[in-house]
């Protein structure tokens, strides 16, 4: 980001399906904002960063509400992704 000054980056955070939908949405938003704050502390211009919380809306597997899944399956869904524009 320091070399390409025109790029924008979306920081998208996700949760697993454990817990309530509203809680997970707020949690993912806080996680994304935390990453943005870290990047700002490393002198990345905040106008180039977009924080998005996806909650449990984009699971990578079938570990949805009420399913019998392992901890490792749930862990796959707890992530933060960077999309560069």
PDB file of N, CA and C in Angstrom:
ATOM      1  N   UNK A   1       0.819  -1.187   0.000  1.00  0.00           N
ATOM      2  CA  UNK A   1       0.000   0.000   0.000  1.00  0.00           C
ATOM      3  C   UNK A   1       0.864   1.252   0.000  1.00  0.00           C
ATOM      4  N   UNK A   2       2.044   1.120   0.514  1.00  0.00           N
ATOM      5  CA  UNK A   2       2.936   2.282   0.499  1.00  0.00           C
ATOM      6  C   UNK A   2       3.475   2.536  -0.900  1.00  0.00           C
ATOM      7  N   UNK A   3       3.611   1.476  -1.701  1.00  0.00           N
ATOM      8  CA  UNK A   3       4.129   1.629  -3.059  1.00  0.00           C
ATOM      9  C   UNK A   3       3.044   2.035  -4.046  1.00  0.00           C
ATOM     10  N   UNK A   4       1.849   1.493  -3.890  1.00  0.00           N
ATOM     11  CA  UNK A   4       0.740   1.804  -4.780  1.00  0.00           C
ATOM     12  C   UNK A   4      -0.230   2.726  -4.049  1.00  0.00           C
ATOM     13  N   UNK A   5      -0.037   4.006  -4.213  1.00  0.00           N
ATOM     14  CA  UNK A   5      -0.808   5.006  -3.454  1.00  0.00           C
ATOM     15  C   UNK A   5      -2.252   5.151  -3.918  1.00  0.00           C
ATOM     16  N   UNK A   6      -2.621   4.531  -5.025  1.00  0.00           N
ATOM     17  CA  UNK A   6      -3.990   4.678  -5.519  1.00  0.00           C
ATOM     18  C   UNK A   6      -4.900   3.516  -5.138  1.00  0.00           C
ATOM     19  N   UNK A   7      -4.358   2.480  -4.536  1.00  0.00           N
ATOM     20  CA  UNK A   7      -5.177   1.310  -4.216  1.00  0.00           C
ATOM     21  C   UNK A   7      -6.074   1.563  -2.998  1.00  0.00           C
ATOM     22  N   UNK A   8      -7.252   0.981  -3.059  1.00  0.00           N
ATOM     23  CA  UNK A   8      -8.170   0.950  -1.936  1.00  0.00           C
ATOM     24  C   UNK A   8      -8.219  -0.490  -1.444  1.00  0.00           C
ATOM     25  N   UNK A   9      -8.422  -0.682  -0.147  1.00  0.00           N
ATOM     26  CA  UNK A   9      -8.477  -2.028   0.408  1.00  0.00           C
ATOM     27  C   UNK A   9      -9.703  -2.171   1.281  1.00  0.00           C
ATOM     28  N   UNK A  10     -10.481  -3.211   0.989  1.00  0.00           N
ATOM     29  CA  UNK A  10     -11.583  -3.579   1.866  1.00  0.00           C
ATOM     30  C   UNK A  10     -11.071  -4.614   2.849  1.00  0.00           C
ATOM     31  N   UNK A  11     -11.282  -4.357   4.118  1.00  0.00           N
ATOM     32  CA  UNK A  11     -10.957  -5.310   5.174  1.00  0.00           C
ATOM     33  C   UNK A  11     -12.279  -5.934   5.592  1.00  0.00           C
ATOM     34  N   UNK A  12     -12.484  -7.190   5.213  1.00  0.00           N
ATOM     35  CA  UNK A  12     -13.738  -7.878   5.502  1.00  0.00           C
ATOM     36  C   UNK A  12     -13.533  -8.953   6.548  1.00  0.00           C
ATOM     37  N   UNK A  13     -14.196  -8.822   7.675  1.00  0.00           N
ATOM     38  CA  UNK A  13     -14.069  -9.802   8.756  1.00  0.00           C
ATOM     39  C   UNK A  13     -15.320 -10.663   8.829  1.00  0.00           C
ATOM     40  N   UNK A  14     -15.101 -11.924   9.168  1.00  0.00           N
ATOM     41  CA  UNK A  14     -16.153 -12.931   9.218  1.00  0.00           C
ATOM     42  C   UNK A  14     -16.111 -13.649  10.563  1.00  0.00           C
ATOM     43  N   UNK A  15     -17.251 -14.216  10.946  1.00  0.00           N
ATOM     44  CA  UNK A  15     -17.318 -15.030  12.158  1.00  0.00           C
ATOM     45  C   UNK A  15     -17.813 -16.417  11.797  1.00  0.00           C
ATOM     46  N   UNK A  16     -17.763 -17.311  12.766  1.00  0.00           N
ATOM     47  CA  UNK A  16     -18.416 -18.607  12.585  1.00  0.00           C
ATOM     48  C   UNK A  16     -19.886 -18.445  12.929  1.00  0.00           C
ATOM     49  N   UNK A  17     -20.641 -19.522  12.877  1.00  0.00           N
ATOM     50  CA  UNK A  17     -22.086 -19.450  13.112  1.00  0.00           C
ATOM     51  C   UNK A  17     -22.465 -19.689  14.567  1.00  0.00           C
ATOM     52  N   UNK A  18     -21.492 -19.864  15.430  1.00  0.00           N
ATOM     53  CA  UNK A  18     -21.797 -20.023  16.853  1.00  0.00           C
ATOM     54  C   UNK A  18     -22.209 -18.667  17.410  1.00  0.00           C
ATOM     55  N   UNK A  19     -23.199 -18.648  18.250  1.00  0.00           N
ATOM     56  CA  UNK A  19     -23.681 -17.381  18.801  1.00  0.00           C
ATOM     57  C   UNK A  19     -24.782 -16.810  17.934  1.00  0.00           C
ATOM     58  N   UNK A  20     -25.361 -15.716  18.404  1.00  0.00           N
ATOM     59  CA  UNK A  20     -26.466 -15.092  17.696  1.00  0.00           C
ATOM     60  C   UNK A  20     -26.024 -14.319  16.472  1.00  0.00           C
ATOM     61  N   UNK A  21     -26.916 -14.193  15.513  1.00  0.00           N
ATOM     62  CA  UNK A  21     -26.615 -13.482  14.276  1.00  0.00           C
ATOM     63  C   UNK A  21     -26.219 -12.033  14.528  1.00  0.00           C
ATOM     64  N   UNK A  22     -26.983 -11.330  15.380  1.00  0.00           N
ATOM     65  CA  UNK A  22     -26.687  -9.920  15.660  1.00  0.00           C
ATOM     66  C   UNK A  22     -25.336  -9.765  16.359  1.00  0.00           C
ATOM     67  N   UNK A  23     -25.070 -10.635  17.323  1.00  0.00           N
ATOM     68  CA  UNK A  23     -23.785 -10.582  18.025  1.00  0.00           C
ATOM     69  C   UNK A  23     -22.642 -10.797  17.041  1.00  0.00           C
ATOM     70  N   UNK A  24     -22.769 -11.802  16.178  1.00  0.00           N
ATOM     71  CA  UNK A  24     -21.703 -12.100  15.221  1.00  0.00           C
ATOM     72  C   UNK A  24     -21.500 -10.967  14.229  1.00  0.00           C
ATOM     73  N   UNK A  25     -22.577 -10.304  13.834  1.00  0.00           N
ATOM     74  CA  UNK A  25     -22.443  -9.166  12.929  1.00  0.00           C
ATOM     75  C   UNK A  25     -21.641  -8.050  13.592  1.00  0.00           C
ATOM     76  N   UNK A  26     -22.000  -7.713  14.818  1.00  0.00           N
ATOM     77  CA  UNK A  26     -21.267  -6.649  15.538  1.00  0.00           C
ATOM     78  C   UNK A  26     -19.814  -7.051  15.792  1.00  0.00           C
ATOM     79  N   UNK A  27     -19.588  -8.323  16.120  1.00  0.00           N
ATOM     80  CA  UNK A  27     -18.226  -8.810  16.354  1.00  0.00           C
ATOM     81  C   UNK A  27     -17.377  -8.661  15.099  1.00  0.00           C
ATOM     82  N   UNK A  28     -17.919  -9.044  13.966  1.00  0.00           N
ATOM     83  CA  UNK A  28     -17.148  -8.937  12.716  1.00  0.00           C
ATOM     84  C   UNK A  28     -16.862  -7.482  12.375  1.00  0.00           C
ATOM     85  N   UNK A  29     -17.806  -6.590  12.647  1.00  0.00           N
ATOM     86  CA  UNK A  29     -17.573  -5.168  12.396  1.00  0.00           C
ATOM     87  C   UNK A  29     -16.459  -4.632  13.287  1.00  0.00           C
ATOM     88  N   UNK A  30     -16.457  -5.032  14.553  1.00  0.00           N
ATOM     89  CA  UNK A  30     -15.385  -4.595  15.474  1.00  0.00           C
ATOM     90  C   UNK A  30     -14.030  -5.134  15.023  1.00  0.00           C
ATOM     91  N   UNK A  31     -13.998  -6.372  14.566  1.00  0.00           N
ATOM     92  CA  UNK A  31     -12.732  -6.953  14.086  1.00  0.00           C
ATOM     93  C   UNK A  31     -12.201  -6.194  12.878  1.00  0.00           C
ATOM     94  N   UNK A  32     -13.071  -5.887  11.927  1.00  0.00           N
ATOM     95  CA  UNK A  32     -12.637  -5.158  10.738  1.00  0.00           C
ATOM     96  C   UNK A  32     -12.126  -3.775  11.113  1.00  0.00           C
ATOM     97  N   UNK A  33     -12.831  -3.088  11.996  1.00  0.00           N
ATOM     98  CA  UNK A  33     -12.402  -1.754  12.429  1.00  0.00           C
ATOM     99  C   UNK A  33     -11.072  -1.809  13.169  1.00  0.00           C
ATOM    100  N   UNK A  34     -10.853  -2.873  13.923  1.00  0.00           N
ATOM    101  CA  UNK A  34      -9.585  -3.032  14.637  1.00  0.00           C
ATOM    102  C   UNK A  34      -8.419  -3.163  13.660  1.00  0.00           C
ATOM    103  N   UNK A  35      -8.611  -3.905  12.593  1.00  0.00           N
ATOM    104  CA  UNK A  35      -7.560  -4.040  11.575  1.00  0.00           C
ATOM    105  C   UNK A  35      -7.298  -2.698  10.905  1.00  0.00           C
ATOM    106  N   UNK A  36      -8.350  -1.956  10.610  1.00  0.00           N
ATOM    107  CA  UNK A  36      -8.191  -0.636  10.006  1.00  0.00           C
ATOM    108  C   UNK A  36      -7.398   0.275  10.949  1.00  0.00           C
ATOM    109  N   UNK A  37      -7.738   0.269  12.213  1.00  0.00           N
ATOM    110  CA  UNK A  37      -7.005   1.095  13.184  1.00  0.00           C
ATOM    111  C   UNK A  37      -5.533   0.707  13.244  1.00  0.00           C
ATOM    112  N   UNK A  38      -5.240  -0.580  13.159  1.00  0.00           N
ATOM    113  CA  UNK A  38      -3.844  -1.027  13.154  1.00  0.00           C
ATOM    114  C   UNK A  38      -3.117  -0.482  11.918  1.00  0.00           C
ATOM    115  N   UNK A  39      -3.746  -0.597  10.754  1.00  0.00           N
ATOM    116  CA  UNK A  39      -3.105  -0.115   9.527  1.00  0.00           C
ATOM    117  C   UNK A  39      -2.904   1.394   9.560  1.00  0.00           C
ATOM    118  N   UNK A  40      -3.853   2.116  10.126  1.00  0.00           N
ATOM    119  CA  UNK A  40      -3.695   3.560  10.282  1.00  0.00           C
ATOM    120  C   UNK A  40      -2.495   3.860  11.181  1.00  0.00           C
ATOM    121  N   UNK A  41      -2.314   3.056  12.230  1.00  0.00           N
ATOM    122  CA  UNK A  41      -1.169   3.256  13.131  1.00  0.00           C
ATOM    123  C   UNK A  41       0.169   3.008  12.424  1.00  0.00           C
ATOM    124  N   UNK A  42       0.114   2.282  11.299  1.00  0.00           N
ATOM    125  CA  UNK A  42       1.311   2.018  10.497  1.00  0.00           C
ATOM    126  C   UNK A  42       1.421   2.991   9.322  1.00  0.00           C
ATOM    127  N   UNK A  43       0.707   4.133   9.460  1.00  0.00           N
ATOM    128  CA  UNK A  43       0.765   5.254   8.528  1.00  0.00           C
ATOM    129  C   UNK A  43       0.141   4.956   7.166  1.00  0.00           C
ATOM    130  N   UNK A  44      -0.888   4.111   7.140  1.00  0.00           N
ATOM    131  CA  UNK A  44      -1.676   3.916   5.937  1.00  0.00           C
ATOM    132  C   UNK A  44      -2.852   4.895   6.016  1.00  0.00           C
ATOM    133  N   UNK A  45      -3.079   5.628   4.931  1.00  0.00           N
ATOM    134  CA  UNK A  45      -4.130   6.643   4.892  1.00  0.00           C
ATOM    135  C   UNK A  45      -5.503   6.001   5.086  1.00  0.00           C
ATOM    136  N   UNK A  46      -6.245   6.484   6.073  1.00  0.00           N
ATOM    137  CA  UNK A  46      -7.540   5.885   6.416  1.00  0.00           C
ATOM    138  C   UNK A  46      -8.561   6.021   5.297  1.00  0.00           C
ATOM    139  N   UNK A  47      -8.379   6.982   4.395  1.00  0.00           N
ATOM    140  CA  UNK A  47      -9.331   7.138   3.296  1.00  0.00           C
ATOM    141  C   UNK A  47      -9.208   6.020   2.267  1.00  0.00           C
ATOM    142  N   UNK A  48      -8.175   5.211   2.373  1.00  0.00           N
ATOM    143  CA  UNK A  48      -7.960   4.094   1.442  1.00  0.00           C
ATOM    144  C   UNK A  48      -8.420   2.767   2.023  1.00  0.00           C
ATOM    145  N   UNK A  49      -8.983   2.793   3.230  1.00  0.00           N
ATOM    146  CA  UNK A  49      -9.364   1.568   3.927  1.00  0.00           C
ATOM    147  C   UNK A  49     -10.869   1.525   4.146  1.00  0.00           C
ATOM    148  N   UNK A  50     -11.467   0.377   3.884  1.00  0.00           N
ATOM    149  CA  UNK A  50     -12.898   0.182   4.049  1.00  0.00           C
ATOM    150  C   UNK A  50     -13.104  -1.015   4.967  1.00  0.00           C
ATOM    151  N   UNK A  51     -13.703  -0.801   6.123  1.00  0.00           N
ATOM    152  CA  UNK A  51     -13.979  -1.884   7.075  1.00  0.00           C
ATOM    153  C   UNK A  51     -15.383  -2.417   6.831  1.00  0.00           C
ATOM    154  N   UNK A  52     -15.491  -3.743   6.656  1.00  0.00           N
ATOM    155  CA  UNK A  52     -16.794  -4.378   6.440  1.00  0.00           C
ATOM    156  C   UNK A  52     -16.899  -5.600   7.337  1.00  0.00           C
ATOM    157  N   UNK A  53     -17.976  -5.691   8.058  1.00  0.00           N
ATOM    158  CA  UNK A  53     -18.259  -6.876   8.866  1.00  0.00           C
ATOM    159  C   UNK A  53     -19.313  -7.725   8.176  1.00  0.00           C
ATOM    160  N   UNK A  54     -18.979  -8.962   7.909  1.00  0.00           N
ATOM    161  CA  UNK A  54     -19.901  -9.867   7.227  1.00  0.00           C
ATOM    162  C   UNK A  54     -20.618 -10.810   8.185  1.00  0.00           C
ATOM    163  N   UNK A  55     -20.209 -10.811   9.447  1.00  0.00           N
ATOM    164  CA  UNK A  55     -20.822 -11.730  10.398  1.00  0.00           C
ATOM    165  C   UNK A  55     -20.673 -13.160   9.927  1.00  0.00           C
ATOM    166  N   UNK A  56     -21.766 -13.912   9.964  1.00  0.00           N
ATOM    167  CA  UNK A  56     -21.742 -15.307   9.538  1.00  0.00           C
ATOM    168  C   UNK A  56     -22.424 -15.496   8.183  1.00  0.00           C
ATOM    169  N   UNK A  57     -22.498 -14.420   7.392  1.00  0.00           N
ATOM    170  CA  UNK A  57     -23.227 -14.467   6.122  1.00  0.00           C
ATOM    171  C   UNK A  57     -22.472 -15.154   4.993  1.00  0.00           C
ATOM    172  N   UNK A  58     -21.159 -15.339   5.131  1.00  0.00           N
ATOM    173  CA  UNK A  58     -20.364 -15.938   4.056  1.00  0.00           C
ATOM    174  C   UNK A  58     -19.485 -17.063   4.606  1.00  0.00           C
ATOM    175  N   UNK A  59     -20.133 -18.098   5.099  1.00  0.00           N
ATOM    176  CA  UNK A  59     -19.404 -19.244   5.652  1.00  0.00           C
ATOM    177  C   UNK A  59     -18.679 -19.992   4.546  1.00  0.00           C
ATOM    178  N   UNK A  60     -17.513 -20.529   4.864  1.00  0.00           N
ATOM    179  CA  UNK A  60     -16.727 -21.286   3.897  1.00  0.00           C
ATOM    180  C   UNK A  60     -17.135 -22.752   3.816  1.00  0.00           C
ATOM    181  N   UNK A  61     -17.930 -23.195   4.779  1.00  0.00           N
ATOM    182  CA  UNK A  61     -18.350 -24.598   4.821  1.00  0.00           C
ATOM    183  C   UNK A  61     -19.781 -24.673   5.354  1.00  0.00           C
ATOM    184  N   UNK A  62     -20.236 -25.857   5.659  1.00  0.00           N
ATOM    185  CA  UNK A  62     -21.615 -26.061   6.104  1.00  0.00           C
ATOM    186  C   UNK A  62     -21.799 -25.938   7.611  1.00  0.00           C
ATOM    187  N   UNK A  63     -20.931 -25.221   8.283  1.00  0.00           N
ATOM    188  CA  UNK A  63     -21.000 -25.057   9.740  1.00  0.00           C
ATOM    189  C   UNK A  63     -21.956 -23.932  10.102  1.00  0.00           C
ATOM    190  N   UNK A  64     -23.229 -24.107   9.808  1.00  0.00           N
ATOM    191  CA  UNK A  64     -24.195 -23.063  10.083  1.00  0.00           C
ATOM    192  C   UNK A  64     -24.902 -23.305  11.407  1.00  0.00           C
ATOM    193  N   UNK A  65     -25.812 -22.418  11.746  1.00  0.00           N
ATOM    194  CA  UNK A  65     -26.545 -22.526  13.013  1.00  0.00           C
ATOM    195  C   UNK A  65     -27.193 -23.895  13.154  1.00  0.00           C
ATOM    196  N   UNK A  66     -26.976 -24.534  14.274  1.00  0.00           N
ATOM    197  CA  UNK A  66     -27.604 -25.807  14.567  1.00  0.00           C
ATOM    198  C   UNK A  66     -26.917 -27.030  13.990  1.00  0.00           C
ATOM    199  N   UNK A  67     -25.883 -26.850  13.187  1.00  0.00           N
ATOM    200  CA  UNK A  67     -25.201 -28.013  12.629  1.00  0.00           C
ATOM    201  C   UNK A  67     -24.191 -28.564  13.632  1.00  0.00           C
ATOM    202  N   UNK A  68     -23.917 -29.836  13.516  1.00  0.00           N
ATOM    203  CA  UNK A  68     -22.972 -30.512  14.407  1.00  0.00           C
ATOM    204  C   UNK A  68     -21.594 -30.490  13.745  1.00  0.00           C
ATOM    205  N   UNK A  69     -20.807 -29.466  14.046  1.00  0.00           N
ATOM    206  CA  UNK A  69     -19.516 -29.275  13.395  1.00  0.00           C
ATOM    207  C   UNK A  69     -18.394 -29.281  14.422  1.00  0.00           C
ATOM    208  N   UNK A  70     -17.214 -29.608  13.941  1.00  0.00           N
ATOM    209  CA  UNK A  70     -16.045 -29.617  14.816  1.00  0.00           C
ATOM    210  C   UNK A  70     -15.534 -28.192  15.024  1.00  0.00           C
ATOM    211  N   UNK A  71     -14.688 -28.024  16.024  1.00  0.00           N
ATOM    212  CA  UNK A  71     -14.079 -26.714  16.275  1.00  0.00           C
ATOM    213  C   UNK A  71     -13.244 -26.253  15.099  1.00  0.00           C
ATOM    214  N   UNK A  72     -12.560 -27.187  14.435  1.00  0.00           N
ATOM    215  CA  UNK A  72     -11.731 -26.791  13.287  1.00  0.00           C
ATOM    216  C   UNK A  72     -12.593 -26.317  12.119  1.00  0.00           C
ATOM    217  N   UNK A  73     -13.781 -26.899  11.961  1.00  0.00           N
ATOM    218  CA  UNK A  73     -14.678 -26.425  10.908  1.00  0.00           C
ATOM    219  C   UNK A  73     -15.168 -25.010  11.214  1.00  0.00           C
ATOM    220  N   UNK A  74     -15.525 -24.759  12.461  1.00  0.00           N
ATOM    221  CA  UNK A  74     -15.937 -23.401  12.843  1.00  0.00           C
ATOM    222  C   UNK A  74     -14.776 -22.426  12.678  1.00  0.00           C
ATOM    223  N   UNK A  75     -13.571 -22.853  13.026  1.00  0.00           N
ATOM    224  CA  UNK A  75     -12.406 -21.971  12.952  1.00  0.00           C
ATOM    225  C   UNK A  75     -12.134 -21.502  11.526  1.00  0.00           C
ATOM    226  N   UNK A  76     -12.438 -22.324  10.537  1.00  0.00           N
ATOM    227  CA  UNK A  76     -12.227 -21.927   9.139  1.00  0.00           C
ATOM    228  C   UNK A  76     -13.034 -20.684   8.779  1.00  0.00           C
ATOM    229  N   UNK A  77     -14.148 -20.472   9.433  1.00  0.00           N
ATOM    230  CA  UNK A  77     -15.015 -19.348   9.113  1.00  0.00           C
ATOM    231  C   UNK A  77     -14.621 -18.059   9.830  1.00  0.00           C
ATOM    232  N   UNK A  78     -13.799 -18.158  10.847  1.00  0.00           N
ATOM    233  CA  UNK A  78     -13.344 -16.960  11.570  1.00  0.00           C
ATOM    234  C   UNK A  78     -12.099 -16.437  10.862  1.00  0.00           C
ATOM    235  N   UNK A  79     -12.304 -15.371  10.086  1.00  0.00           N
ATOM    236  CA  UNK A  79     -11.198 -14.892   9.257  1.00  0.00           C
ATOM    237  C   UNK A  79     -11.397 -13.421   8.915  1.00  0.00           C
ATOM    238  N   UNK A  80     -10.307 -12.809   8.460  1.00  0.00           N
ATOM    239  CA  UNK A  80     -10.339 -11.464   7.893  1.00  0.00           C
ATOM    240  C   UNK A  80      -9.687 -11.532   6.529  1.00  0.00           C
ATOM    241  N   UNK A  81     -10.361 -10.988   5.536  1.00  0.00           N
ATOM    242  CA  UNK A  81      -9.881 -11.013   4.172  1.00  0.00           C
ATOM    243  C   UNK A  81      -9.626  -9.593   3.679  1.00  0.00           C
ATOM    244  N   UNK A  82      -8.654  -9.466   2.805  1.00  0.00           N
ATOM    245  CA  UNK A  82      -8.311  -8.175   2.204  1.00  0.00           C
ATOM    246  C   UNK A  82      -8.628  -8.229   0.718  1.00  0.00           C
ATOM    247  N   UNK A  83      -9.400  -7.269   0.242  1.00  0.00           N
ATOM    248  CA  UNK A  83      -9.689  -7.136  -1.194  1.00  0.00           C
ATOM    249  C   UNK A  83      -9.082  -5.824  -1.651  1.00  0.00           C
ATOM    250  N   UNK A  84      -8.196  -5.911  -2.622  1.00  0.00           N
ATOM    251  CA  UNK A  84      -7.502  -4.727  -3.119  1.00  0.00           C
ATOM    252  C   UNK A  84      -8.192  -4.257  -4.407  1.00  0.00           C
ATOM    253  N   UNK A  85      -8.530  -2.970  -4.449  1.00  0.00           N
ATOM    254  CA  UNK A  85      -9.162  -2.377  -5.625  1.00  0.00           C
ATOM    255  C   UNK A  85      -8.241  -1.348  -6.265  1.00  0.00           C
TER     256      UNK A  85
END
